[in-house]
Amino acid sequence: MLQTLRRYALMFVVRPIARLLFGLDVIGAEKLPRDGPAIVAANHNSHVDTIVLLCLFPARLLHKVRPVAAADHFDKGGFGSWFSRNIIGIIPIKRGAASRHEDVLAGAKQALARGEILVVFPEGSRGAPEEMTRFKTGVARLVEYMPAAPVTPVYLQGAGRSLPKDSRLLVPFNTTAVVGDHLTWNGSHHGFIDELRTRIEALKAEAPPLRWR
């Protein structure tokens, strides 16, 4: 029941509103994963990023797409937590407060084992508009756990102007997603993260100029 509700809410409410507000140009859409297990890794400038990435997938795959999100932002209880978990479909991840022996990636690993498509932000938190901060190794640990899962790099442009960090004012601004060729596990956490960042920076260089709608 919840899967059906999620699919129709995304198809007929969330995505149409997102496209109306932000537009969406996609370059390289054919490179997105067509099934799971798989990982989509993107730069992170705005809470809008997750919605934009959900807009990239066809309706038949929406039930498999699971954004990984910070529990301290999106799983604090109430309607917001319910909406994030059951409509957006997040997998909440603890940041900072986890115990030493707790695997904070357990939920994401289970999703990969079920054949789902994870949406992850290697920076962990939002940076300044159109700028990237240091990448963390969480995505590399996920690929190490599931080496068969390809990682598709995506550069998002414009979302950070629509709703930058610490802003509550949403400004319609055209968003572009540039999708690159997938990466596979290379045996090194830091080596994988360095390659992923290099790929996303290359996609940034390919992105068209920013424009207002």
Protein backbone atom coordinates (compact mmCIF):
# COMPACT_ATOMS: atom_id res chain seq x y z
CA MET A 1 0.00 0.00 0.00
CA LEU A 2 2.72 2.48 0.98
CA GLN A 3 4.74 1.59 -2.13
CA THR A 4 1.75 2.42 -4.30
CA LEU A 5 1.10 5.66 -2.40
CA ARG A 6 4.76 6.64 -2.77
CA ARG A 7 4.81 5.96 -6.50
CA TYR A 8 1.68 7.96 -7.25
CA ALA A 9 2.60 10.82 -4.91
CA LEU A 10 5.97 11.16 -6.63
CA MET A 11 4.51 10.84 -10.12
CA PHE A 12 1.53 13.16 -9.78
CA VAL A 13 2.44 15.59 -6.99
CA VAL A 14 6.16 15.87 -6.18
CA ARG A 15 7.63 15.62 -9.68
CA PRO A 16 5.17 17.95 -11.46
CA ILE A 17 5.71 20.63 -8.79
CA ALA A 18 9.48 20.20 -8.98
CA ARG A 19 9.51 20.49 -12.77
CA LEU A 20 7.31 23.57 -12.61
CA LEU A 21 9.55 25.30 -10.07
CA PHE A 22 12.99 24.25 -11.27
CA GLY A 23 12.62 23.04 -14.83
CA LEU A 24 15.03 20.21 -15.51
CA ASP A 25 17.57 19.78 -18.26
CA VAL A 26 19.24 16.36 -18.34
CA ILE A 27 22.44 15.56 -20.19
CA GLY A 28 23.34 11.87 -20.45
CA ALA A 29 20.07 10.45 -19.09
CA GLU A 30 20.77 7.17 -20.91
CA LYS A 31 23.68 6.56 -18.51
CA LEU A 32 21.45 6.31 -15.44
CA PRO A 33 21.05 2.82 -13.96
CA ARG A 34 18.10 0.86 -15.30
CA ASP A 35 17.94 -1.52 -12.36
CA GLY A 36 19.55 -2.21 -9.02
CA PRO A 37 21.65 -2.76 -7.11
CA ALA A 38 23.20 0.54 -8.14
CA ILE A 39 24.31 3.85 -6.68
CA VAL A 40 23.87 7.39 -8.00
CA ALA A 41 26.35 9.83 -6.46
CA ALA A 42 25.93 13.60 -6.85
CA ASN A 43 27.27 16.88 -5.50
CA HIS A 44 25.16 18.46 -2.78
CA ASN A 45 24.16 22.13 -2.50
CA SER A 46 20.48 22.03 -1.55
CA HIS A 47 17.63 19.95 -0.11
CA VAL A 48 16.19 20.31 -3.62
CA ASP A 49 18.91 17.94 -4.90
CA THR A 50 17.09 14.81 -3.77
CA ILE A 51 13.85 15.81 -5.49
CA VAL A 52 15.72 16.67 -8.70
CA LEU A 53 17.41 13.26 -8.75
CA LEU A 54 14.09 11.48 -8.21
CA CYS A 55 12.79 13.35 -11.27
CA LEU A 56 15.45 11.69 -13.44
CA PHE A 57 14.04 8.17 -13.13
CA PRO A 58 11.12 6.63 -15.04
CA ALA A 59 7.98 5.79 -13.08
CA ARG A 60 8.66 2.04 -13.25
CA LEU A 61 11.84 2.48 -11.18
CA LEU A 62 10.62 4.94 -8.56
CA HIS A 63 9.81 2.21 -6.03
CA LYS A 64 13.47 1.15 -6.15
CA VAL A 65 15.10 4.58 -5.79
CA ARG A 66 16.13 5.26 -2.18
CA PRO A 67 17.85 8.53 -1.22
CA VAL A 68 20.30 8.26 1.68
CA ALA A 69 19.66 11.21 4.01
CA ALA A 70 20.78 12.57 7.37
CA ALA A 71 18.55 11.35 10.19
CA ASP A 72 19.09 14.58 12.17
CA HIS A 73 17.42 16.56 9.37
CA PHE A 74 14.80 14.21 7.96
CA ASP A 75 13.91 11.71 10.67
CA LYS A 76 13.04 13.90 13.67
CA GLY A 77 9.46 12.69 14.02
CA GLY A 78 6.09 14.07 12.99
CA PHE A 79 4.70 14.46 9.49
CA GLY A 80 8.06 15.53 8.03
CA SER A 81 9.65 12.26 9.08
CA TRP A 82 6.70 10.23 7.77
CA PHE A 83 6.79 12.07 4.43
CA SER A 84 10.57 11.64 4.10
CA ARG A 85 10.47 7.93 4.85
CA ASN A 86 7.29 6.91 3.04
CA ILE A 87 6.99 9.31 0.10
CA ILE A 88 10.56 10.42 -0.64
CA GLY A 89 11.71 6.96 0.47
CA ILE A 90 14.80 8.00 2.41
CA ILE A 91 17.16 5.69 4.23
CA PRO A 92 18.10 7.74 7.34
CA ILE A 93 21.77 7.74 8.32
CA LYS A 94 23.08 8.88 11.71
CA ARG A 95 25.77 11.55 11.66
CA GLY A 96 28.11 11.92 14.60
CA ALA A 97 25.92 10.36 17.30
CA ALA A 98 26.42 6.71 16.30
CA SER A 99 28.20 4.37 18.72
CA ARG A 100 31.67 3.12 17.86
CA HIS A 101 30.47 -0.37 16.97
CA GLU A 102 27.33 0.67 15.10
CA ASP A 103 27.28 0.31 11.33
CA VAL A 104 25.53 3.52 10.24
CA LEU A 105 25.45 2.21 6.67
CA ALA A 106 23.53 -0.96 7.57
CA GLY A 107 20.23 0.30 6.14
CA ALA A 108 21.89 1.37 2.89
CA LYS A 109 23.66 -1.98 2.58
CA GLN A 110 20.37 -3.82 3.10
CA ALA A 111 18.81 -1.71 0.35
CA LEU A 112 21.59 -2.69 -2.05
CA ALA A 113 21.13 -6.33 -1.10
CA ARG A 114 17.44 -5.98 -2.04
CA GLY A 115 18.45 -4.69 -5.47
CA GLU A 116 17.52 -1.05 -4.90
CA ILE A 117 19.09 2.11 -6.34
CA LEU A 118 20.70 4.38 -3.75
CA VAL A 119 21.00 8.14 -4.18
CA VAL A 120 23.96 9.38 -2.16
CA PHE A 121 25.79 12.67 -1.61
CA PRO A 122 29.48 11.95 -0.93
CA GLU A 123 30.01 15.40 0.64
CA GLY A 124 27.66 14.39 3.45
CA SER A 125 26.27 17.89 3.93
CA ARG A 126 25.38 20.81 1.68
CA GLY A 127 28.05 23.20 0.49
CA ALA A 128 27.88 26.73 -0.92
CA PRO A 129 26.00 27.12 -4.23
CA GLU A 130 27.89 25.54 -7.15
CA GLU A 131 30.86 24.57 -4.93
CA MET A 132 31.92 21.11 -3.75
CA THR A 133 33.35 20.29 -0.34
CA ARG A 134 35.47 17.29 0.68
CA PHE A 135 34.07 13.87 -0.25
CA LYS A 136 33.68 11.32 2.54
CA THR A 137 34.34 7.59 2.17
CA GLY A 138 30.84 6.28 2.92
CA VAL A 139 30.00 5.63 -0.73
CA ALA A 140 33.29 3.74 -1.15
CA ARG A 141 32.38 1.49 1.78
CA LEU A 142 29.02 0.79 0.16
CA VAL A 143 30.68 -0.20 -3.11
CA GLU A 144 33.18 -2.34 -1.24
CA TYR A 145 30.22 -4.14 0.35
CA MET A 146 28.47 -4.57 -3.03
CA PRO A 147 31.16 -4.50 -5.77
CA ALA A 148 28.59 -5.47 -8.40
CA ALA A 149 26.79 -2.14 -7.87
CA PRO A 150 27.89 0.45 -10.45
CA VAL A 151 28.23 4.04 -9.24
CA THR A 152 26.86 6.68 -11.61
CA PRO A 153 28.27 10.20 -11.06
CA VAL A 154 25.91 13.15 -11.51
CA TYR A 155 26.66 16.86 -11.40
CA LEU A 156 23.71 19.03 -10.34
CA GLN A 157 23.74 22.67 -11.35
CA GLY A 158 21.33 25.36 -10.19
CA ALA A 159 19.62 23.68 -7.23
CA GLY A 160 21.95 25.48 -4.83
CA ARG A 161 20.67 28.79 -6.19
CA SER A 162 17.04 27.74 -5.75
CA LEU A 163 17.34 26.75 -2.09
CA PRO A 164 20.86 27.24 -0.70
CA LYS A 165 21.94 25.98 2.70
CA ASP A 166 20.30 27.81 5.64
CA SER A 167 17.79 29.54 3.34
CA ARG A 168 14.02 29.17 3.69
CA LEU A 169 13.20 31.18 0.59
CA LEU A 170 12.68 29.00 -2.48
CA VAL A 171 13.59 30.76 -5.74
CA PRO A 172 12.64 29.13 -9.08
CA PHE A 173 15.91 28.56 -10.92
CA ASN A 174 16.54 26.20 -13.80
CA THR A 175 18.39 23.03 -12.78
CA THR A 176 20.62 20.88 -14.96
CA ALA A 177 21.74 17.31 -14.26
CA VAL A 178 24.82 16.06 -16.11
CA VAL A 179 25.16 12.26 -15.91
CA GLY A 180 28.48 10.50 -16.43
CA ASP A 181 29.73 6.97 -17.10
CA HIS A 182 29.58 4.63 -14.14
CA LEU A 183 32.50 3.64 -11.92
CA THR A 184 33.20 0.26 -10.35
CA TRP A 185 35.07 -0.71 -7.20
CA ASN A 186 38.86 -0.31 -7.53
CA GLY A 187 39.90 -1.78 -4.19
CA SER A 188 40.77 1.48 -2.42
CA HIS A 189 38.47 3.71 -0.37
CA HIS A 190 40.41 6.90 -0.99
CA GLY A 191 41.31 5.94 -4.55
CA PHE A 192 37.66 5.38 -5.37
CA ILE A 193 36.59 8.68 -3.77
CA ASP A 194 39.33 10.57 -5.63
CA GLU A 195 38.19 9.07 -8.94
CA LEU A 196 34.54 9.85 -8.19
CA ARG A 197 35.32 13.47 -7.37
CA THR A 198 37.42 13.80 -10.53
CA ARG A 199 34.51 12.47 -12.59
CA ILE A 200 31.99 14.88 -11.04
CA GLU A 201 34.35 17.82 -11.49
CA ALA A 202 34.69 16.85 -15.17
CA LEU A 203 30.89 16.80 -15.48
CA LYS A 204 30.78 20.27 -13.93
CA ALA A 205 33.10 21.49 -16.68
CA GLU A 206 30.66 20.08 -19.27
CA ALA A 207 27.59 21.77 -17.77
CA PRO A 208 26.02 24.63 -19.76
CA PRO A 209 25.97 28.19 -18.33
CA LEU A 210 23.57 28.82 -15.48
CA ARG A 211 20.36 30.49 -16.54
CA TRP A 212 17.16 31.76 -14.99
CA ARG A 213 14.00 30.13 -16.21
